[in-house]
N, C-alpha and C. Protein backbone atom coordinates (compact mmCIF):
# COMPACT_ATOMS: atom_id res chain seq x y z
N MET A 1 0.62 -1.32 0.34
CA MET A 1 -0.20 -0.09 -0.25
C MET A 1 1.27 1.53 0.05
N LYS A 2 0.45 2.06 -0.82
CA LYS A 2 1.58 3.10 -1.03
C LYS A 2 0.78 4.35 -0.20
N THR A 3 1.73 5.28 0.44
CA THR A 3 0.86 6.37 1.91
C THR A 3 1.98 7.18 1.24
N CYS A 4 1.00 8.50 1.84
CA CYS A 4 1.56 9.77 1.99
C CYS A 4 2.66 9.90 3.40
N PHE A 5 4.50 10.51 2.89
CA PHE A 5 4.54 10.46 4.23
C PHE A 5 4.73 11.47 4.74
N LYS A 6 3.45 12.19 5.04
CA LYS A 6 2.67 13.81 5.72
C LYS A 6 1.99 13.41 5.95
N CYS A 7 0.88 12.72 6.05
CA CYS A 7 -0.53 12.69 6.08
C CYS A 7 -0.45 11.10 6.72
N GLY A 8 0.03 10.53 6.23
CA GLY A 8 -0.87 8.78 5.57
C GLY A 8 -1.88 8.69 5.29
N THR A 9 -1.69 9.18 4.42
CA THR A 9 -3.60 9.22 3.58
C THR A 9 -3.09 8.27 2.48
N THR A 10 -3.36 7.28 1.76
CA THR A 10 -4.05 6.16 0.67
C THR A 10 -3.94 5.88 -0.69
N ILE A 11 -2.64 6.22 -0.90
CA ILE A 11 -2.31 6.88 -2.34
C ILE A 11 -2.59 5.79 -3.96
N ASP A 12 -3.37 6.21 -4.92
CA ASP A 12 -4.51 5.04 -5.74
C ASP A 12 -3.19 5.25 -7.00
N LEU A 13 -2.24 5.75 -7.24
CA LEU A 13 -1.52 5.81 -8.88
C LEU A 13 -1.08 4.13 -9.03
N GLU A 14 -0.82 4.12 -9.85
CA GLU A 14 0.44 3.46 -10.41
C GLU A 14 1.70 3.43 -10.89
N LYS A 15 1.38 4.59 -10.63
CA LYS A 15 3.47 6.17 -11.46
C LYS A 15 2.88 6.55 -10.66
N VAL A 16 3.86 7.01 -10.20
CA VAL A 16 4.19 9.28 -10.03
C VAL A 16 4.72 9.91 -10.94
N SER A 17 4.81 11.11 -11.25
CA SER A 17 4.87 12.09 -11.81
C SER A 17 5.66 13.17 -10.68
N ARG A 18 6.85 13.88 -11.55
CA ARG A 18 6.89 14.62 -10.89
C ARG A 18 6.12 15.85 -9.29
N ARG A 19 4.28 15.71 -10.23
CA ARG A 19 4.26 16.88 -10.19
C ARG A 19 2.39 16.63 -9.31
N ASP A 20 2.46 15.43 -8.85
CA ASP A 20 1.60 14.20 -8.43
C ASP A 20 2.20 15.41 -6.96
N GLU A 21 0.07 15.97 -6.31
CA GLU A 21 0.15 15.85 -5.51
C GLU A 21 -0.42 14.55 -4.34
N CYS A 22 -0.50 14.91 -3.42
CA CYS A 22 -1.39 14.48 -2.08
C CYS A 22 -2.89 15.09 -1.80
N ALA A 23 -3.48 14.20 -2.38
CA ALA A 23 -5.27 14.36 -2.65
C ALA A 23 -5.65 15.41 -1.13
N ARG A 24 -4.75 14.81 0.01
CA ARG A 24 -5.83 15.90 1.29
C ARG A 24 -4.81 16.18 1.91
N CYS A 25 -3.63 16.23 1.39
CA CYS A 25 -2.36 17.82 2.16
C CYS A 25 -1.83 18.14 1.18
N GLY A 26 -1.72 18.04 -0.12
CA GLY A 26 -0.82 18.47 -1.17
C GLY A 26 0.63 18.50 -1.27
N THR A 27 0.72 18.55 -0.22
CA THR A 27 2.68 17.56 -0.92
C THR A 27 2.84 16.97 -1.86
N ASP A 28 3.99 17.28 -1.99
CA ASP A 28 4.52 16.55 -3.30
C ASP A 28 4.56 14.69 -2.86
N LEU A 29 4.03 14.27 -3.69
CA LEU A 29 4.49 13.06 -3.65
C LEU A 29 6.37 11.91 -4.26
N ARG A 30 6.75 12.36 -5.49
CA ARG A 30 7.67 11.98 -5.66
C ARG A 30 8.83 12.57 -4.83
N VAL A 31 9.16 12.32 -3.79
CA VAL A 31 10.61 13.10 -3.18
C VAL A 31 10.81 11.81 -2.42
N CYS A 32 11.99 12.00 -2.30
CA CYS A 32 13.26 10.32 -0.69
C CYS A 32 12.55 10.14 0.21
N LEU A 33 11.05 11.31 1.16
CA LEU A 33 10.72 10.86 1.49
C LEU A 33 10.13 9.93 1.80
N ASN A 34 9.44 9.35 0.18
CA ASN A 34 8.54 8.23 -0.11
C ASN A 34 8.74 7.14 -1.06
N CYS A 35 10.71 6.96 -0.95
CA CYS A 35 11.10 6.43 -1.60
C CYS A 35 11.37 4.78 -1.43
N SER A 36 11.45 4.21 -1.56
CA SER A 36 12.01 3.20 -1.10
C SER A 36 12.96 2.87 -0.94
N PHE A 37 14.35 3.48 -1.62
CA PHE A 37 15.44 3.81 -1.66
C PHE A 37 15.85 4.34 -0.13
N TYR A 38 14.82 5.72 0.35
CA TYR A 38 15.47 6.42 1.07
C TYR A 38 15.95 5.75 2.79
N ALA A 39 17.12 6.01 3.10
CA ALA A 39 17.25 5.62 4.63
C ALA A 39 18.35 7.07 4.93
N GLU A 40 17.12 7.01 5.99
CA GLU A 40 18.56 8.46 6.28
C GLU A 40 19.49 7.46 7.22
N SER A 41 19.86 6.26 7.01
CA SER A 41 21.10 6.19 7.87
C SER A 41 22.62 6.29 6.98
N LYS A 42 22.28 5.86 5.54
CA LYS A 42 23.35 5.82 4.59
C LYS A 42 23.48 6.96 4.46
N ALA A 43 24.54 7.11 4.04
CA ALA A 43 25.30 8.43 2.87
C ALA A 43 24.29 8.98 2.36
N ASN A 44 23.96 10.15 1.86
CA ASN A 44 23.26 11.43 1.40
C ASN A 44 21.66 10.46 1.42
N ALA A 45 21.48 10.05 2.38
CA ALA A 45 20.12 9.05 2.93
C ALA A 45 19.31 8.24 1.61
N CYS A 46 20.49 7.26 1.52
CA CYS A 46 19.70 7.27 0.54
C CYS A 46 20.71 6.01 -0.49
N ILE A 47 19.86 4.46 -0.44
CA ILE A 47 20.76 2.90 -0.41
C ILE A 47 21.14 2.85 -2.03
N GLU A 48 20.31 3.91 -2.80
CA GLU A 48 20.65 3.68 -4.34
C GLU A 48 22.20 4.40 -4.36
N PRO A 49 23.17 3.28 -5.03
CA PRO A 49 25.11 3.91 -4.90
C PRO A 49 25.13 5.20 -6.01
N GLN A 50 23.25 4.74 -7.00
CA GLN A 50 23.94 5.64 -8.19
C GLN A 50 23.16 6.82 -8.31
N ALA A 51 22.47 6.86 -8.02
CA ALA A 51 21.27 8.47 -7.61
C ALA A 51 21.83 9.61 -6.85
N GLU A 52 21.92 10.24 -7.51
CA GLU A 52 22.50 12.03 -6.94
C GLU A 52 21.89 12.46 -6.26
N PRO A 53 23.41 13.33 -5.15
CA PRO A 53 22.50 13.92 -4.12
C PRO A 53 21.12 14.92 -3.76
N VAL A 54 20.21 15.22 -3.16
CA VAL A 54 18.77 15.77 -3.09
C VAL A 54 18.89 16.39 -1.99
N LYS A 55 19.27 17.61 -1.50
CA LYS A 55 19.18 18.22 -1.12
C LYS A 55 17.36 18.17 -0.16
N GLU A 56 16.98 18.47 -0.75
CA GLU A 56 15.34 18.86 0.44
C GLU A 56 14.64 17.23 0.27
N LYS A 57 14.49 16.35 1.39
CA LYS A 57 14.14 15.17 0.79
C LYS A 57 12.88 15.33 1.06
N ASP A 58 11.90 16.26 1.16
CA ASP A 58 10.08 16.82 1.46
C ASP A 58 9.92 16.96 -0.05
N ARG A 59 10.95 17.09 -0.97
CA ARG A 59 10.35 18.25 -1.97
C ARG A 59 10.65 17.31 -2.93
N ALA A 60 10.02 17.42 -3.88
CA ALA A 60 9.10 16.98 -5.64
C ALA A 60 10.93 16.82 -6.29
N ASN A 61 11.68 15.44 -7.31
CA ASN A 61 12.61 15.76 -7.52
C ASN A 61 12.86 15.00 -8.70
N TYR A 62 13.85 14.93 -9.35
CA TYR A 62 13.89 14.05 -11.15
C TYR A 62 14.26 12.73 -11.05
N CYS A 63 14.78 11.81 -9.35
CA CYS A 63 15.46 10.53 -8.84
C CYS A 63 15.06 10.66 -10.49
N ASP A 64 15.48 9.66 -11.06
CA ASP A 64 15.76 7.71 -12.11
C ASP A 64 15.23 7.16 -11.14
N PHE A 65 16.37 6.65 -9.96
CA PHE A 65 15.99 5.68 -9.20
C PHE A 65 14.54 5.27 -8.32
N PHE A 66 13.56 6.31 -8.51
CA PHE A 66 12.04 6.92 -7.78
C PHE A 66 11.58 5.52 -7.38
N ARG A 67 11.45 5.29 -6.57
CA ARG A 67 10.55 3.89 -6.56
C ARG A 67 9.67 3.97 -5.16
N PHE A 68 8.04 4.31 -5.72
CA PHE A 68 7.15 5.00 -4.30
C PHE A 68 7.11 3.46 -3.04
N LYS A 69 7.51 3.60 -2.07
CA LYS A 69 7.44 3.27 -0.79
C LYS A 69 6.36 1.78 0.01
N GLU A 70 6.35 0.83 -0.56
CA GLU A 70 5.17 0.13 0.07
C GLU A 70 4.73 -0.06 1.07
N THR A 71 4.13 -0.04 2.24
CA THR A 71 4.05 -0.27 3.30
C THR A 71 3.21 -1.08 3.48
N GLN A 72 2.47 -2.40 4.43
CA GLN A 72 1.98 -3.16 4.60
C GLN A 72 0.92 -2.54 5.96
N GLN A 73 0.18 -2.50 5.91
CA GLN A 73 -1.38 -1.80 6.61
C GLN A 73 -1.03 -2.84 7.76
N LYS A 74 -1.05 -2.16 9.30
CA LYS A 74 -1.23 -2.02 10.43
C LYS A 74 -2.10 -3.47 11.09
N LYS A 75 -2.59 -4.31 11.44
CA LYS A 75 -3.95 -4.57 11.93
C LYS A 75 -4.09 -4.12 13.52
N SER A 76 -5.35 -3.37 13.56
CA SER A 76 -4.97 -3.22 15.54
C SER A 76 -5.46 -4.71 15.83
N GLY A 77 -4.50 -3.93 17.47
CA GLY A 77 -4.64 -5.61 18.10
C GLY A 77 -5.62 -5.85 18.55
N LYS A 78 -7.27 -5.38 18.44
CA LYS A 78 -8.73 -5.50 18.15
C LYS A 78 -8.96 -6.87 16.90
N ALA A 79 -8.72 -6.12 15.80
CA ALA A 79 -9.17 -6.59 14.49
C ALA A 79 -7.96 -8.28 14.11
N GLU A 80 -6.89 -8.62 14.89
CA GLU A 80 -5.79 -9.57 15.02
C GLU A 80 -6.05 -10.09 16.00
N ALA A 81 -7.47 -9.68 17.16
CA ALA A 81 -7.84 -10.35 18.60
C ALA A 81 -8.93 -11.09 17.19
N LYS A 82 -10.65 -10.43 16.85
CA LYS A 82 -10.92 -10.85 16.16
C LYS A 82 -10.49 -12.30 14.87
N GLN A 83 -9.14 -12.14 14.01
CA GLN A 83 -9.74 -12.59 13.34
C GLN A 83 -8.80 -14.22 14.22
N ALA A 84 -7.49 -14.48 14.66
CA ALA A 84 -7.56 -15.31 15.53
C ALA A 84 -8.27 -16.02 16.16
N TRP A 85 -9.92 -15.01 16.88
CA TRP A 85 -10.98 -15.70 16.85
C TRP A 85 -11.38 -16.65 16.08
N ASP A 86 -12.27 -15.90 14.83
CA ASP A 86 -13.02 -16.83 14.71
C ASP A 86 -12.41 -17.52 13.10
N GLU A 87 -11.34 -17.54 13.33
CA GLU A 87 -9.87 -18.86 12.51
C GLU A 87 -10.46 -20.16 13.84
N LEU A 88 -10.24 -19.62 15.09
CA LEU A 88 -10.20 -20.60 15.77
C LEU A 88 -11.45 -20.97 15.99
N PHE A 89 -12.30 -21.03 15.48
CA PHE A 89 -13.82 -21.52 15.90
C PHE A 89 -14.33 -21.53 13.89
N LYS A 90 -14.18 -21.97 13.10
CA LYS A 90 -14.88 -21.18 12.17
C LYS A 90 -15.35 -22.95 11.40
N LYS A 91 -15.75 -22.30 10.95
CA LYS A 91 -16.95 -24.04 10.73
C LYS A 91 -16.60 -24.55 9.18
N HIS A 92 -16.35 -25.71 9.76
CA HIS A 92 -16.24 -26.26 8.51
C HIS A 92 -17.00 -26.32 6.98
């Protein structure tokens, strides 16, 4: 699931262009903070060795290596408990 780094809104775009913005908060989407290569602990905060350094990680850029970060949706403890209960007592 693709989400905006700033507000967490789900993004339903297949490909993200430099001009695309979040429908909810209006922030740029093609930014380092939304990229799967973003790693704060690495040099230039990027694990892609060929990428050019980007100063503003929260602003749209022209990086050729951009890949939108996919995140897993976390279930609440209550939802997990209900699922476990249903699986335990499911009818055959």
